[in-house]
Amino acid sequence: MVNIGDVIFQIVMLLFVVLFFVSLFLFIRGLRKSQVYRSDALKRIEGKLDKIIENQERQSRN
C-alpha cells in the first residue's frame, strides 16, 4: 500500500528539481541580457571617445 506521506515527499522533491532548473535558466538568461547591454554601452562609449580624439587632433592641428 502507498503511504500518502511518501507521495507528498516525492511530489515536493520533483517540484524542487523543476524549480532549480527554472531558476538556473532564468539566471543564465539574465546574465546574457546584461552582457549584451554592457556590450552596447561599451560600443557607445567607444564611439564617443573616438569623436573626442578626432576633435582633439583637429584642435592640435589648428
C-alpha atoms as a PDB file:
ATOM      1  CA  MET A   1       0.000   0.000   0.000  1.00  0.00           C
ATOM      2  CA  VAL A   2       1.190   3.542  -0.796  1.00  0.00           C
ATOM      3  CA  ASN A   3       1.775   5.902   2.073  1.00  0.00           C
ATOM      4  CA  ILE A   4       0.407   9.403   1.383  1.00  0.00           C
ATOM      5  CA  GLY A   5       3.468  10.957   3.066  1.00  0.00           C
ATOM      6  CA  ASP A   6       5.780   9.237   0.570  1.00  0.00           C
ATOM      7  CA  VAL A   7       3.721  10.542  -2.352  1.00  0.00           C
ATOM      8  CA  ILE A   8       3.754  14.086  -0.999  1.00  0.00           C
ATOM      9  CA  PHE A   9       7.513  13.863  -0.404  1.00  0.00           C
ATOM     10  CA  GLN A  10       8.127  12.673  -3.979  1.00  0.00           C
ATOM     11  CA  ILE A  11       5.991  15.491  -5.403  1.00  0.00           C
ATOM     12  CA  VAL A  12       7.794  18.090  -3.297  1.00  0.00           C
ATOM     13  CA  MET A  13      11.215  16.777  -4.371  1.00  0.00           C
ATOM     14  CA  LEU A  14      10.148  16.814  -8.025  1.00  0.00           C
ATOM     15  CA  LEU A  15       8.974  20.416  -7.643  1.00  0.00           C
ATOM     16  CA  PHE A  16      12.331  21.357  -6.083  1.00  0.00           C
ATOM     17  CA  VAL A  17      14.188  19.863  -9.043  1.00  0.00           C
ATOM     18  CA  VAL A  18      11.954  21.683 -11.529  1.00  0.00           C
ATOM     19  CA  LEU A  19      12.329  24.927  -9.571  1.00  0.00           C
ATOM     20  CA  PHE A  20      16.125  24.536  -9.605  1.00  0.00           C
ATOM     21  CA  PHE A  21      16.286  24.170 -13.386  1.00  0.00           C
ATOM     22  CA  VAL A  22      13.861  27.038 -13.979  1.00  0.00           C
ATOM     23  CA  SER A  23      15.904  29.263 -11.669  1.00  0.00           C
ATOM     24  CA  LEU A  24      19.130  28.262 -13.396  1.00  0.00           C
ATOM     25  CA  PHE A  25      17.621  29.026 -16.805  1.00  0.00           C
ATOM     26  CA  LEU A  26      16.371  32.452 -15.705  1.00  0.00           C
ATOM     27  CA  PHE A  27      19.716  33.277 -14.083  1.00  0.00           C
ATOM     28  CA  ILE A  28      21.671  32.441 -17.240  1.00  0.00           C
ATOM     29  CA  ARG A  29      19.210  34.371 -19.400  1.00  0.00           C
ATOM     30  CA  GLY A  30      19.607  37.402 -17.141  1.00  0.00           C
ATOM     31  CA  LEU A  31      23.376  37.202 -17.373  1.00  0.00           C
ATOM     32  CA  ARG A  32      23.234  37.099 -21.148  1.00  0.00           C
ATOM     33  CA  LYS A  33      20.901  40.102 -21.299  1.00  0.00           C
ATOM     34  CA  SER A  34      23.130  42.172 -19.039  1.00  0.00           C
ATOM     35  CA  GLN A  35      26.174  41.147 -21.073  1.00  0.00           C
ATOM     36  CA  VAL A  36      24.503  42.353 -24.284  1.00  0.00           C
ATOM     37  CA  TYR A  37      23.567  45.619 -22.572  1.00  0.00           C
ATOM     38  CA  ARG A  38      27.143  46.148 -21.361  1.00  0.00           C
ATOM     39  CA  SER A  39      28.467  45.386 -24.826  1.00  0.00           C
ATOM     40  CA  ASP A  40      26.174  48.000 -26.378  1.00  0.00           C
ATOM     41  CA  ALA A  41      27.158  50.540 -23.728  1.00  0.00           C
ATOM     42  CA  LEU A  42      30.846  49.912 -24.389  1.00  0.00           C
ATOM     43  CA  LYS A  43      30.320  50.427 -28.121  1.00  0.00           C
ATOM     44  CA  ARG A  44      28.595  53.762 -27.480  1.00  0.00           C
ATOM     45  CA  ILE A  45      31.399  54.853 -25.154  1.00  0.00           C
ATOM     46  CA  GLU A  46      33.991  53.825 -27.719  1.00  0.00           C
ATOM     47  CA  GLY A  47      32.241  55.901 -30.395  1.00  0.00           C
ATOM     48  CA  LYS A  48      32.150  58.938 -28.123  1.00  0.00           C
ATOM     49  CA  LEU A  49      35.824  58.547 -27.294  1.00  0.00           C
ATOM     50  CA  ASP A  50      36.663  58.323 -30.999  1.00  0.00           C
ATOM     51  CA  LYS A  51      34.840  61.615 -31.587  1.00  0.00           C
ATOM     52  CA  ILE A  52      36.700  63.250 -28.709  1.00  0.00           C
ATOM     53  CA  ILE A  53      40.048  62.034 -30.051  1.00  0.00           C
ATOM     54  CA  GLU A  54      39.217  63.337 -33.542  1.00  0.00           C
ATOM     55  CA  ASN A  55      38.266  66.731 -32.081  1.00  0.00           C
ATOM     56  CA  GLN A  56      41.499  66.838 -30.087  1.00  0.00           C
ATOM     57  CA  GLU A  57      43.538  66.047 -33.204  1.00  0.00           C
ATOM     58  CA  ARG A  58      41.722  68.762 -35.198  1.00  0.00           C
ATOM     59  CA  GLN A  59      42.360  71.318 -32.471  1.00  0.00           C
ATOM     60  CA  SER A  60      46.030  70.398 -32.184  1.00  0.00           C
ATOM     61  CA  ARG A  61      46.470  70.852 -35.977  1.00  0.00           C
ATOM     62  CA  ASN A  62      44.978  74.361 -35.888  1.00  0.00           C
END
